[in-house]
PDB file of all heavy atoms in Angstrom:
ATOM      1  N   SER A   1      36.477-128.315 163.888  1.00  0.00           N
ATOM      2  CA  SER A   1      35.620-127.834 164.957  1.00  0.00           C
ATOM      3  C   SER A   1      36.035-128.376 166.336  1.00  0.00           C
ATOM      4  O   SER A   1      36.527-129.487 166.424  1.00  0.00           O
ATOM      5  CB  SER A   1      34.187-128.302 164.696  1.00  0.00           C
ATOM      6  OG  SER A   1      33.344-128.079 165.813  1.00  0.00           O
ATOM      7  N   GLN A   2      35.901-127.610 167.350  1.00  0.00           N
ATOM      8  CA  GLN A   2      36.250-128.097 168.693  1.00  0.00           C
ATOM      9  C   GLN A   2      35.025-128.889 169.300  1.00  0.00           C
ATOM     10  O   GLN A   2      35.235-129.522 170.261  1.00  0.00           O
ATOM     11  CB  GLN A   2      36.511-126.830 169.629  1.00  0.00           C
ATOM     12  CG  GLN A   2      37.735-126.100 169.255  1.00  0.00           C
ATOM     13  CD  GLN A   2      38.977-126.943 169.315  1.00  0.00           C
ATOM     14  OE1 GLN A   2      39.244-127.618 170.278  1.00  0.00           O
ATOM     15  NE2 GLN A   2      39.791-126.920 168.206  1.00  0.00           N
ATOM     16  N   ASN A   3      33.917-128.782 168.623  1.00  0.00           N
ATOM     17  CA  ASN A   3      32.774-129.528 169.173  1.00  0.00           C
ATOM     18  C   ASN A   3      32.449-130.805 168.305  1.00  0.00           C
ATOM     19  O   ASN A   3      31.886-130.669 167.213  1.00  0.00           O
ATOM     20  CB  ASN A   3      31.500-128.598 169.096  1.00  0.00           C
ATOM     21  CG  ASN A   3      31.723-127.355 170.003  1.00  0.00           C
ATOM     22  OD1 ASN A   3      32.101-127.523 171.155  1.00  0.00           O
ATOM     23  ND2 ASN A   3      31.493-126.175 169.431  1.00  0.00           N
ATOM     24  N   LYS A   4      32.912-131.923 168.837  1.00  0.00           N
ATOM     25  CA  LYS A   4      32.754-133.172 168.100  1.00  0.00           C
ATOM     26  C   LYS A   4      31.578-133.977 168.719  1.00  0.00           C
ATOM     27  O   LYS A   4      31.448-134.078 169.943  1.00  0.00           O
ATOM     28  CB  LYS A   4      34.024-133.997 168.277  1.00  0.00           C
ATOM     29  CG  LYS A   4      35.226-133.330 167.676  1.00  0.00           C
ATOM     30  CD  LYS A   4      36.429-134.184 167.704  1.00  0.00           C
ATOM     31  CE  LYS A   4      36.929-134.513 169.147  1.00  0.00           C
ATOM     32  NZ  LYS A   4      38.164-135.261 169.223  1.00  0.00           N
ATOM     33  N   ILE A   5      30.711-134.499 167.797  1.00  0.00           N
ATOM     34  CA  ILE A   5      29.571-135.302 168.253  1.00  0.00           C
ATOM     35  C   ILE A   5      29.613-136.633 167.524  1.00  0.00           C
ATOM     36  O   ILE A   5      29.808-136.687 166.352  1.00  0.00           O
ATOM     37  CB  ILE A   5      28.236-134.512 167.949  1.00  0.00           C
ATOM     38  CG1 ILE A   5      28.207-133.242 168.759  1.00  0.00           C
ATOM     39  CG2 ILE A   5      27.008-135.385 168.278  1.00  0.00           C
ATOM     40  CD1 ILE A   5      27.016-132.359 168.534  1.00  0.00           C
ATOM     41  N   LEU A   6      29.317-137.609 168.229  1.00  0.00           N
ATOM     42  CA  LEU A   6      29.196-139.001 167.707  1.00  0.00           C
ATOM     43  C   LEU A   6      27.726-139.346 167.658  1.00  0.00           C
ATOM     44  O   LEU A   6      27.043-139.297 168.661  1.00  0.00           O
ATOM     45  CB  LEU A   6      30.004-139.929 168.615  1.00  0.00           C
ATOM     46  CG  LEU A   6      29.885-141.454 168.313  1.00  0.00           C
ATOM     47  CD1 LEU A   6      30.294-141.802 166.906  1.00  0.00           C
ATOM     48  CD2 LEU A   6      30.671-142.299 169.331  1.00  0.00           C
ATOM     49  N   VAL A   7      27.336-139.741 166.471  1.00  0.00           N
ATOM     50  CA  VAL A   7      25.958-140.231 166.224  1.00  0.00           C
ATOM     51  C   VAL A   7      26.012-141.760 165.996  1.00  0.00           C
ATOM     52  O   VAL A   7      26.604-142.169 165.004  1.00  0.00           O
ATOM     53  CB  VAL A   7      25.328-139.471 165.063  1.00  0.00           C
ATOM     54  CG1 VAL A   7      23.880-140.035 164.844  1.00  0.00           C
ATOM     55  CG2 VAL A   7      25.229-137.983 165.328  1.00  0.00           C
ATOM     56  N   ILE A   8      25.356-142.474 166.847  1.00  0.00           N
ATOM     57  CA  ILE A   8      25.339-143.979 166.734  1.00  0.00           C
ATOM     58  C   ILE A   8      23.844-144.374 166.474  1.00  0.00           C
ATOM     59  O   ILE A   8      23.008-144.238 167.345  1.00  0.00           O
ATOM     60  CB  ILE A   8      25.774-144.634 167.988  1.00  0.00           C
ATOM     61  CG1 ILE A   8      27.191-144.106 168.381  1.00  0.00           C
ATOM     62  CG2 ILE A   8      25.944-146.170 167.771  1.00  0.00           C
ATOM     63  CD1 ILE A   8      27.696-144.521 169.755  1.00  0.00           C
ATOM     64  N   ASP A   9      23.573-144.937 165.266  1.00  0.00           N
ATOM     65  CA  ASP A   9      22.201-145.405 164.956  1.00  0.00           C
ATOM     66  C   ASP A   9      22.349-146.333 163.793  1.00  0.00           C
ATOM     67  O   ASP A   9      23.070-146.140 162.886  1.00  0.00           O
ATOM     68  CB  ASP A   9      21.359-144.161 164.543  1.00  0.00           C
ATOM     69  CG  ASP A   9      19.893-144.535 164.559  1.00  0.00           C
ATOM     70  OD1 ASP A   9      19.475-145.504 163.942  1.00  0.00           O
ATOM     71  OD2 ASP A   9      19.159-143.822 165.237  1.00  0.00           O
ATOM     72  N   ASP A  10      21.598-147.425 163.858  1.00  0.00           N
ATOM     73  CA  ASP A  10      21.647-148.451 162.818  1.00  0.00           C
ATOM     74  C   ASP A  10      20.835-148.094 161.578  1.00  0.00           C
ATOM     75  O   ASP A  10      20.910-148.754 160.562  1.00  0.00           O
ATOM     76  CB  ASP A  10      21.287-149.828 163.383  1.00  0.00           C
ATOM     77  CG  ASP A  10      19.909-149.907 163.930  1.00  0.00           C
ATOM     78  OD1 ASP A  10      19.377-148.879 164.472  1.00  0.00           O
ATOM     79  OD2 ASP A  10      19.266-151.001 163.809  1.00  0.00           O
ATOM     80  N   GLU A  11      20.025-147.035 161.718  1.00  0.00           N
ATOM     81  CA  GLU A  11      19.210-146.579 160.565  1.00  0.00           C
ATOM     82  C   GLU A  11      19.987-145.490 159.837  1.00  0.00           C
ATOM     83  O   GLU A  11      20.278-144.385 160.334  1.00  0.00           O
ATOM     84  CB  GLU A  11      17.878-145.941 161.026  1.00  0.00           C
ATOM     85  CG  GLU A  11      16.961-146.981 161.649  1.00  0.00           C
ATOM     86  CD  GLU A  11      16.348-147.961 160.619  1.00  0.00           C
ATOM     87  OE1 GLU A  11      16.228-147.522 159.463  1.00  0.00           O
ATOM     88  OE2 GLU A  11      16.055-149.088 161.011  1.00  0.00           O
ATOM     89  N   LEU A  12      20.459-145.871 158.602  1.00  0.00           N
ATOM     90  CA  LEU A  12      21.277-144.932 157.774  1.00  0.00           C
ATOM     91  C   LEU A  12      20.679-143.555 157.620  1.00  0.00           C
ATOM     92  O   LEU A  12      21.262-142.570 157.753  1.00  0.00           O
ATOM     93  CB  LEU A  12      21.607-145.596 156.450  1.00  0.00           C
ATOM     94  CG  LEU A  12      22.436-144.743 155.465  1.00  0.00           C
ATOM     95  CD1 LEU A  12      23.777-144.410 156.043  1.00  0.00           C
ATOM     96  CD2 LEU A  12      22.550-145.484 154.145  1.00  0.00           C
ATOM     97  N   THR A  13      19.360-143.558 157.267  1.00  0.00           N
ATOM     98  CA  THR A  13      18.692-142.294 156.961  1.00  0.00           C
ATOM     99  C   THR A  13      18.667-141.359 158.213  1.00  0.00           C
ATOM    100  O   THR A  13      18.927-140.207 158.122  1.00  0.00           O
ATOM    101  CB  THR A  13      17.274-142.465 156.467  1.00  0.00           C
ATOM    102  OG1 THR A  13      17.364-143.324 155.304  1.00  0.00           O
ATOM    103  CG2 THR A  13      16.599-141.205 156.124  1.00  0.00           C
ATOM    104  N   VAL A  14      18.372-141.925 159.364  1.00  0.00           N
ATOM    105  CA  VAL A  14      18.339-141.218 160.639  1.00  0.00           C
ATOM    106  C   VAL A  14      19.748-140.598 160.869  1.00  0.00           C
ATOM    107  O   VAL A  14      19.878-139.440 161.151  1.00  0.00           O
ATOM    108  CB  VAL A  14      17.851-142.058 161.770  1.00  0.00           C
ATOM    109  CG1 VAL A  14      18.042-141.348 163.086  1.00  0.00           C
ATOM    110  CG2 VAL A  14      16.394-142.483 161.564  1.00  0.00           C
ATOM    111  N   ARG A  15      20.730-141.459 160.837  1.00  0.00           N
ATOM    112  CA  ARG A  15      22.076-141.058 161.025  1.00  0.00           C
ATOM    113  C   ARG A  15      22.560-139.935 160.157  1.00  0.00           C
ATOM    114  O   ARG A  15      23.093-138.914 160.607  1.00  0.00           O
ATOM    115  CB  ARG A  15      23.025-142.310 160.863  1.00  0.00           C
ATOM    116  CG  ARG A  15      24.267-142.299 161.647  1.00  0.00           C
ATOM    117  CD  ARG A  15      25.002-143.647 161.617  1.00  0.00           C
ATOM    118  NE  ARG A  15      25.314-144.057 160.324  1.00  0.00           N
ATOM    119  CZ  ARG A  15      24.833-145.240 159.790  1.00  0.00           C
ATOM    120  NH1 ARG A  15      24.017-145.975 160.427  1.00  0.00           N
ATOM    121  NH2 ARG A  15      25.241-145.542 158.567  1.00  0.00           N
ATOM    122  N   GLN A  16      22.261-140.071 158.880  1.00  0.00           N
ATOM    123  CA  GLN A  16      22.685-139.061 157.928  1.00  0.00           C
ATOM    124  C   GLN A  16      21.967-137.793 158.151  1.00  0.00           C
ATOM    125  O   GLN A  16      22.532-136.728 158.001  1.00  0.00           O
ATOM    126  CB  GLN A  16      22.449-139.550 156.447  1.00  0.00           C
ATOM    127  CG  GLN A  16      23.390-140.620 156.060  1.00  0.00           C
ATOM    128  CD  GLN A  16      23.067-141.192 154.682  1.00  0.00           C
ATOM    129  OE1 GLN A  16      21.971-141.154 154.178  1.00  0.00           O
ATOM    130  NE2 GLN A  16      24.167-141.688 154.002  1.00  0.00           N
ATOM    131  N   ASN A  17      20.620-137.781 158.389  1.00  0.00           N
ATOM    132  CA  ASN A  17      19.874-136.530 158.690  1.00  0.00           C
ATOM    133  C   ASN A  17      20.343-135.836 159.877  1.00  0.00           C
ATOM    134  O   ASN A  17      20.545-134.587 159.838  1.00  0.00           O
ATOM    135  CB  ASN A  17      18.409-136.856 158.728  1.00  0.00           C
ATOM    136  CG  ASN A  17      17.778-137.200 157.371  1.00  0.00           C
ATOM    137  OD1 ASN A  17      18.381-136.821 156.336  1.00  0.00           O
ATOM    138  ND2 ASN A  17      16.757-137.992 157.395  1.00  0.00           N
ATOM    139  N   VAL A  18      20.585-136.573 160.986  1.00  0.00           N
ATOM    140  CA  VAL A  18      21.098-135.915 162.157  1.00  0.00           C
ATOM    141  C   VAL A  18      22.432-135.320 161.960  1.00  0.00           C
ATOM    142  O   VAL A  18      22.698-134.214 162.357  1.00  0.00           O
ATOM    143  CB  VAL A  18      21.073-136.944 163.418  1.00  0.00           C
ATOM    144  CG1 VAL A  18      21.747-136.350 164.549  1.00  0.00           C
ATOM    145  CG2 VAL A  18      19.650-137.303 163.695  1.00  0.00           C
ATOM    146  N   ALA A  19      23.352-136.113 161.321  1.00  0.00           N
ATOM    147  CA  ALA A  19      24.711-135.635 161.008  1.00  0.00           C
ATOM    148  C   ALA A  19      24.643-134.359 160.171  1.00  0.00           C
ATOM    149  O   ALA A  19      25.434-133.421 160.455  1.00  0.00           O
ATOM    150  CB  ALA A  19      25.478-136.747 160.395  1.00  0.00           C
ATOM    151  N   ALA A  20      23.828-134.385 159.126  1.00  0.00           N
ATOM    152  CA  ALA A  20      23.725-133.216 158.255  1.00  0.00           C
ATOM    153  C   ALA A  20      23.336-131.969 159.014  1.00  0.00           C
ATOM    154  O   ALA A  20      23.915-130.873 158.817  1.00  0.00           O
ATOM    155  CB  ALA A  20      22.778-133.468 157.104  1.00  0.00           C
ATOM    156  N   TYR A  21      22.313-132.115 159.883  1.00  0.00           N
ATOM    157  CA  TYR A  21      21.857-130.981 160.648  1.00  0.00           C
ATOM    158  C   TYR A  21      22.976-130.474 161.592  1.00  0.00           C
ATOM    159  O   TYR A  21      23.253-129.229 161.662  1.00  0.00           O
ATOM    160  CB  TYR A  21      20.637-131.340 161.500  1.00  0.00           C
ATOM    161  CG  TYR A  21      20.231-130.246 162.357  1.00  0.00           C
ATOM    162  CD1 TYR A  21      19.448-129.230 161.905  1.00  0.00           C
ATOM    163  CD2 TYR A  21      20.537-130.199 163.726  1.00  0.00           C
ATOM    164  CE1 TYR A  21      19.020-128.142 162.704  1.00  0.00           C
ATOM    165  CE2 TYR A  21      20.194-129.185 164.524  1.00  0.00           C
ATOM    166  CZ  TYR A  21      19.428-128.127 164.049  1.00  0.00           C
ATOM    167  OH  TYR A  21      19.031-127.101 164.851  1.00  0.00           O
ATOM    168  N   LEU A  22      23.635-131.360 162.228  1.00  0.00           N
ATOM    169  CA  LEU A  22      24.701-130.922 163.163  1.00  0.00           C
ATOM    170  C   LEU A  22      25.914-130.308 162.465  1.00  0.00           C
ATOM    171  O   LEU A  22      26.475-129.336 162.883  1.00  0.00           O
ATOM    172  CB  LEU A  22      25.167-132.165 164.027  1.00  0.00           C
ATOM    173  CG  LEU A  22      24.131-132.697 164.984  1.00  0.00           C
ATOM    174  CD1 LEU A  22      24.551-133.989 165.589  1.00  0.00           C
ATOM    175  CD2 LEU A  22      23.830-131.630 166.104  1.00  0.00           C
ATOM    176  N   GLU A  23      26.289-130.894 161.330  1.00  0.00           N
ATOM    177  CA  GLU A  23      27.319-130.357 160.506  1.00  0.00           C
ATOM    178  C   GLU A  23      27.061-128.926 160.048  1.00  0.00           C
ATOM    179  O   GLU A  23      27.823-128.049 160.039  1.00  0.00           O
ATOM    180  CB  GLU A  23      27.667-131.285 159.361  1.00  0.00           C
ATOM    181  CG  GLU A  23      28.373-132.513 159.781  1.00  0.00           C
ATOM    182  CD  GLU A  23      28.488-133.631 158.719  1.00  0.00           C
ATOM    183  OE1 GLU A  23      27.801-133.490 157.697  1.00  0.00           O
ATOM    184  OE2 GLU A  23      29.315-134.551 158.953  1.00  0.00           O
ATOM    185  N   ASP A  24      25.783-128.742 159.573  1.00  0.00           N
ATOM    186  CA  ASP A  24      25.305-127.389 159.214  1.00  0.00           C
ATOM    187  C   ASP A  24      25.388-126.428 160.348  1.00  0.00           C
ATOM    188  O   ASP A  24      25.534-125.238 160.157  1.00  0.00           O
ATOM    189  CB  ASP A  24      23.900-127.416 158.608  1.00  0.00           C
ATOM    190  CG  ASP A  24      23.827-128.066 157.269  1.00  0.00           C
ATOM    191  OD1 ASP A  24      24.900-128.275 156.632  1.00  0.00           O
ATOM    192  OD2 ASP A  24      22.666-128.356 156.806  1.00  0.00           O
ATOM    193  N   SER A  25      25.274-126.928 161.636  1.00  0.00           N
ATOM    194  CA  SER A  25      25.365-126.068 162.734  1.00  0.00           C
ATOM    195  C   SER A  25      26.774-125.901 163.263  1.00  0.00           C
ATOM    196  O   SER A  25      27.040-125.347 164.323  1.00  0.00           O
ATOM    197  CB  SER A  25      24.477-126.705 163.836  1.00  0.00           C
ATOM    198  OG  SER A  25      23.157-126.779 163.473  1.00  0.00           O
ATOM    199  N   GLY A  26      27.765-126.402 162.525  1.00  0.00           N
ATOM    200  CA  GLY A  26      29.159-126.212 162.876  1.00  0.00           C
ATOM    201  C   GLY A  26      29.904-127.242 163.664  1.00  0.00           C
ATOM    202  O   GLY A  26      31.048-127.079 164.038  1.00  0.00           O
ATOM    203  N   PHE A  27      29.217-128.409 163.841  1.00  0.00           N
ATOM    204  CA  PHE A  27      29.886-129.498 164.578  1.00  0.00           C
ATOM    205  C   PHE A  27      30.641-130.457 163.706  1.00  0.00           C
ATOM    206  O   PHE A  27      30.278-130.604 162.461  1.00  0.00           O
ATOM    207  CB  PHE A  27      28.798-130.310 165.364  1.00  0.00           C
ATOM    208  CG  PHE A  27      28.118-129.562 166.383  1.00  0.00           C
ATOM    209  CD1 PHE A  27      26.838-128.954 166.168  1.00  0.00           C
ATOM    210  CD2 PHE A  27      28.623-129.399 167.631  1.00  0.00           C
ATOM    211  CE1 PHE A  27      26.212-128.206 167.108  1.00  0.00           C
ATOM    212  CE2 PHE A  27      27.990-128.676 168.669  1.00  0.00           C
ATOM    213  CZ  PHE A  27      26.716-128.087 168.369  1.00  0.00           C
ATOM    214  N   THR A  28      31.657-131.016 164.244  1.00  0.00           N
ATOM    215  CA  THR A  28      32.283-132.174 163.538  1.00  0.00           C
ATOM    216  C   THR A  28      31.537-133.428 163.990  1.00  0.00           C
ATOM    217  O   THR A  28      31.393-133.649 165.170  1.00  0.00           O
ATOM    218  CB  THR A  28      33.770-132.307 163.979  1.00  0.00           C
ATOM    219  OG1 THR A  28      34.434-131.122 163.509  1.00  0.00           O
ATOM    220  CG2 THR A  28      34.433-133.507 163.366  1.00  0.00           C
ATOM    221  N   VAL A  29      31.075-134.226 163.033  1.00  0.00           N
ATOM    222  CA  VAL A  29      30.249-135.350 163.388  1.00  0.00           C
ATOM    223  C   VAL A  29      30.876-136.668 162.929  1.00  0.00           C
ATOM    224  O   VAL A  29      31.348-136.776 161.779  1.00  0.00           O
ATOM    225  CB  VAL A  29      28.817-135.189 162.745  1.00  0.00           C
ATOM    226  CG1 VAL A  29      27.929-136.402 163.061  1.00  0.00           C
ATOM    227  CG2 VAL A  29      28.182-133.893 163.182  1.00  0.00           C
ATOM    228  N   TYR A  30      30.852-137.638 163.821  1.00  0.00           N
ATOM    229  CA  TYR A  30      31.301-138.951 163.497  1.00  0.00           C
ATOM    230  C   TYR A  30      30.038-139.826 163.516  1.00  0.00           C
ATOM    231  O   TYR A  30      29.254-139.651 164.386  1.00  0.00           O
ATOM    232  CB  TYR A  30      32.290-139.416 164.550  1.00  0.00           C
ATOM    233  CG  TYR A  30      33.530-138.551 164.578  1.00  0.00           C
ATOM    234  CD1 TYR A  30      33.635-137.571 165.566  1.00  0.00           C
ATOM    235  CD2 TYR A  30      34.600-138.712 163.692  1.00  0.00           C
ATOM    236  CE1 TYR A  30      34.741-136.722 165.620  1.00  0.00           C
ATOM    237  CE2 TYR A  30      35.696-137.900 163.732  1.00  0.00           C
ATOM    238  CZ  TYR A  30      35.744-136.955 164.704  1.00  0.00           C
ATOM    239  OH  TYR A  30      36.892-136.068 164.728  1.00  0.00           O
ATOM    240  N   GLN A  31      30.012-140.777 162.587  1.00  0.00           N
ATOM    241  CA  GLN A  31      28.835-141.638 162.491  1.00  0.00           C
ATOM    242  C   GLN A  31      29.245-143.156 162.680  1.00  0.00           C
ATOM    243  O   GLN A  31      30.243-143.576 162.199  1.00  0.00           O
ATOM    244  CB  GLN A  31      28.200-141.526 161.137  1.00  0.00           C
ATOM    245  CG  GLN A  31      27.699-140.130 160.840  1.00  0.00           C
ATOM    246  CD  GLN A  31      26.998-140.052 159.491  1.00  0.00           C
ATOM    247  OE1 GLN A  31      26.124-140.943 159.189  1.00  0.00           O
ATOM    248  NE2 GLN A  31      27.329-139.078 158.684  1.00  0.00           N
ATOM    249  N   ALA A  32      28.328-143.841 163.371  1.00  0.00           N
ATOM    250  CA  ALA A  32      28.546-145.264 163.587  1.00  0.00           C
ATOM    251  C   ALA A  32      27.275-145.995 163.389  1.00  0.00           C
ATOM    252  O   ALA A  32      26.205-145.575 163.784  1.00  0.00           O
ATOM    253  CB  ALA A  32      29.082-145.584 164.945  1.00  0.00           C
ATOM    254  N   GLU A  33      27.378-147.224 162.670  1.00  0.00           N
ATOM    255  CA  GLU A  33      26.141-147.913 162.306  1.00  0.00           C
ATOM    256  C   GLU A  33      25.676-148.907 163.409  1.00  0.00           C
ATOM    257  O   GLU A  33      24.627-149.491 163.319  1.00  0.00           O
ATOM    258  CB  GLU A  33      26.347-148.684 161.020  1.00  0.00           C
ATOM    259  CG  GLU A  33      27.394-149.743 161.043  1.00  0.00           C
ATOM    260  CD  GLU A  33      28.802-149.307 160.720  1.00  0.00           C
ATOM    261  OE1 GLU A  33      29.096-148.052 160.696  1.00  0.00           O
ATOM    262  OE2 GLU A  33      29.663-150.140 160.423  1.00  0.00           O
ATOM    263  N   ASN A  34      26.461-149.054 164.444  1.00  0.00           N
ATOM    264  CA  ASN A  34      26.018-149.867 165.580  1.00  0.00           C
ATOM    265  C   ASN A  34      26.864-149.580 166.792  1.00  0.00           C
ATOM    266  O   ASN A  34      27.825-148.736 166.721  1.00  0.00           O
ATOM    267  CB  ASN A  34      26.107-151.395 165.223  1.00  0.00           C
ATOM    268  CG  ASN A  34      27.562-151.824 164.893  1.00  0.00           C
ATOM    269  OD1 ASN A  34      28.465-151.523 165.615  1.00  0.00           O
ATOM    270  ND2 ASN A  34      27.645-152.536 163.776  1.00  0.00           N
ATOM    271  N   GLY A  35      26.494-150.100 167.946  1.00  0.00           N
ATOM    272  CA  GLY A  35      27.175-149.767 169.153  1.00  0.00           C
ATOM    273  C   GLY A  35      28.612-150.172 169.228  1.00  0.00           C
ATOM    274  O   GLY A  35      29.465-149.485 169.834  1.00  0.00           O
ATOM    275  N   ARG A  36      29.014-151.271 168.606  1.00  0.00           N
ATOM    276  CA  ARG A  36      30.368-151.784 168.638  1.00  0.00           C
ATOM    277  C   ARG A  36      31.244-150.711 167.874  1.00  0.00           C
ATOM    278  O   ARG A  36      32.267-150.270 168.427  1.00  0.00           O
ATOM    279  CB  ARG A  36      30.530-153.115 167.996  1.00  0.00           C
ATOM    280  CG  ARG A  36      31.941-153.634 167.959  1.00  0.00           C
ATOM    281  CD  ARG A  36      32.047-154.915 167.087  1.00  0.00           C
ATOM    282  NE  ARG A  36      31.582-154.814 165.797  1.00  0.00           N
ATOM    283  CZ  ARG A  36      32.202-154.202 164.733  1.00  0.00           C
ATOM    284  NH1 ARG A  36      33.343-153.664 164.955  1.00  0.00           N
ATOM    285  NH2 ARG A  36      31.633-154.169 163.552  1.00  0.00           N
ATOM    286  N   VAL A  37      30.859-150.309 166.685  1.00  0.00           N
ATOM    287  CA  VAL A  37      31.613-149.370 165.904  1.00  0.00           C
ATOM    288  C   VAL A  37      31.562-148.017 166.652  1.00  0.00           C
ATOM    289  O   VAL A  37      32.556-147.281 166.743  1.00  0.00           O
ATOM    290  CB  VAL A  37      31.078-149.239 164.455  1.00  0.00           C
ATOM    291  CG1 VAL A  37      31.717-148.074 163.770  1.00  0.00           C
ATOM    292  CG2 VAL A  37      31.199-150.554 163.728  1.00  0.00           C
ATOM    293  N   GLY A  38      30.443-147.686 167.251  1.00  0.00           N
ATOM    294  CA  GLY A  38      30.314-146.406 167.982  1.00  0.00           C
ATOM    295  C   GLY A  38      31.280-146.349 169.147  1.00  0.00           C
ATOM    296  O   GLY A  38      31.930-145.286 169.324  1.00  0.00           O
ATOM    297  N   LEU A  39      31.455-147.438 169.903  1.00  0.00           N
ATOM    298  CA  LEU A  39      32.388-147.404 171.026  1.00  0.00           C
ATOM    299  C   LEU A  39      33.813-147.282 170.541  1.00  0.00           C
ATOM    300  O   LEU A  39      34.650-146.623 171.138  1.00  0.00           O
ATOM    301  CB  LEU A  39      32.175-148.629 171.925  1.00  0.00           C
ATOM    302  CG  LEU A  39      30.999-148.591 172.815  1.00  0.00           C
ATOM    303  CD1 LEU A  39      30.780-149.887 173.545  1.00  0.00           C
ATOM    304  CD2 LEU A  39      31.097-147.430 173.820  1.00  0.00           C
ATOM    305  N   GLU A  40      34.127-147.967 169.431  1.00  0.00           N
ATOM    306  CA  GLU A  40      35.475-147.831 168.846  1.00  0.00           C
ATOM    307  C   GLU A  40      35.774-146.378 168.498  1.00  0.00           C
ATOM    308  O   GLU A  40      36.834-145.818 168.829  1.00  0.00           O
ATOM    309  CB  GLU A  40      35.597-148.681 167.612  1.00  0.00           C
ATOM    310  CG  GLU A  40      35.653-150.172 167.883  1.00  0.00           C
ATOM    311  CD  GLU A  40      35.578-151.020 166.582  1.00  0.00           C
ATOM    312  OE1 GLU A  40      35.649-150.476 165.486  1.00  0.00           O
ATOM    313  OE2 GLU A  40      35.504-152.252 166.741  1.00  0.00           O
ATOM    314  N   LEU A  41      34.811-145.658 167.826  1.00  0.00           N
ATOM    315  CA  LEU A  41      34.935-144.292 167.506  1.00  0.00           C
ATOM    316  C   LEU A  41      35.011-143.410 168.766  1.00  0.00           C
ATOM    317  O   LEU A  41      35.802-142.427 168.771  1.00  0.00           O
ATOM    318  CB  LEU A  41      33.773-143.807 166.595  1.00  0.00           C
ATOM    319  CG  LEU A  41      33.969-144.099 165.129  1.00  0.00           C
ATOM    320  CD1 LEU A  41      32.705-143.805 164.369  1.00  0.00           C
ATOM    321  CD2 LEU A  41      35.130-143.260 164.576  1.00  0.00           C
ATOM    322  N   TYR A  42      34.173-143.716 169.772  1.00  0.00           N
ATOM    323  CA  TYR A  42      34.203-142.942 170.946  1.00  0.00           C
ATOM    324  C   TYR A  42      35.596-142.946 171.608  1.00  0.00           C
ATOM    325  O   TYR A  42      36.134-141.914 171.980  1.00  0.00           O
ATOM    326  CB  TYR A  42      33.153-143.495 171.982  1.00  0.00           C
ATOM    327  CG  TYR A  42      33.393-142.873 173.315  1.00  0.00           C
ATOM    328  CD1 TYR A  42      32.845-141.643 173.616  1.00  0.00           C
ATOM    329  CD2 TYR A  42      34.091-143.516 174.332  1.00  0.00           C
ATOM    330  CE1 TYR A  42      33.070-141.011 174.868  1.00  0.00           C
ATOM    331  CE2 TYR A  42      34.364-142.987 175.580  1.00  0.00           C
ATOM    332  CZ  TYR A  42      33.789-141.736 175.811  1.00  0.00           C
ATOM    333  OH  TYR A  42      34.063-141.104 177.044  1.00  0.00           O
ATOM    334  N   PHE A  43      36.224-144.075 171.784  1.00  0.00           N
ATOM    335  CA  PHE A  43      37.468-144.187 172.360  1.00  0.00           C
ATOM    336  C   PHE A  43      38.625-143.577 171.502  1.00  0.00           C
ATOM    337  O   PHE A  43      39.576-143.113 172.050  1.00  0.00           O
ATOM    338  CB  PHE A  43      37.779-145.600 172.837  1.00  0.00           C
ATOM    339  CG  PHE A  43      37.014-146.021 174.028  1.00  0.00           C
ATOM    340  CD1 PHE A  43      36.012-147.007 173.875  1.00  0.00           C
ATOM    341  CD2 PHE A  43      37.215-145.502 175.265  1.00  0.00           C
ATOM    342  CE1 PHE A  43      35.239-147.407 174.976  1.00  0.00           C
ATOM    343  CE2 PHE A  43      36.478-145.884 176.321  1.00  0.00           C
ATOM    344  CZ  PHE A  43      35.463-146.842 176.234  1.00  0.00           C
ATOM    345  N   GLN A  44      38.406-143.613 170.250  1.00  0.00           N
ATOM    346  CA  GLN A  44      39.405-143.022 169.312  1.00  0.00           C
ATOM    347  C   GLN A  44      39.315-141.507 169.246  1.00  0.00           C
ATOM    348  O   GLN A  44      40.340-140.795 169.271  1.00  0.00           O
ATOM    349  CB  GLN A  44      39.174-143.642 167.911  1.00  0.00           C
ATOM    350  CG  GLN A  44      40.120-143.079 166.835  1.00  0.00           C
ATOM    351  CD  GLN A  44      39.797-143.646 165.456  1.00  0.00           C
ATOM    352  OE1 GLN A  44      39.147-144.681 165.345  1.00  0.00           O
ATOM    353  NE2 GLN A  44      40.267-142.926 164.471  1.00  0.00           N
TER     354      GLN A  44
END
């Protein structure tokens, strides 16, 4: 997908639910469990 979204949340259930919805809508979703990992994924 050309539309990539990064979801950063320390609550696993929230992260997974948001990611599942976005993936069902055609987005490529990256998930991070905290801000440090999230920023690493953002820059990558």
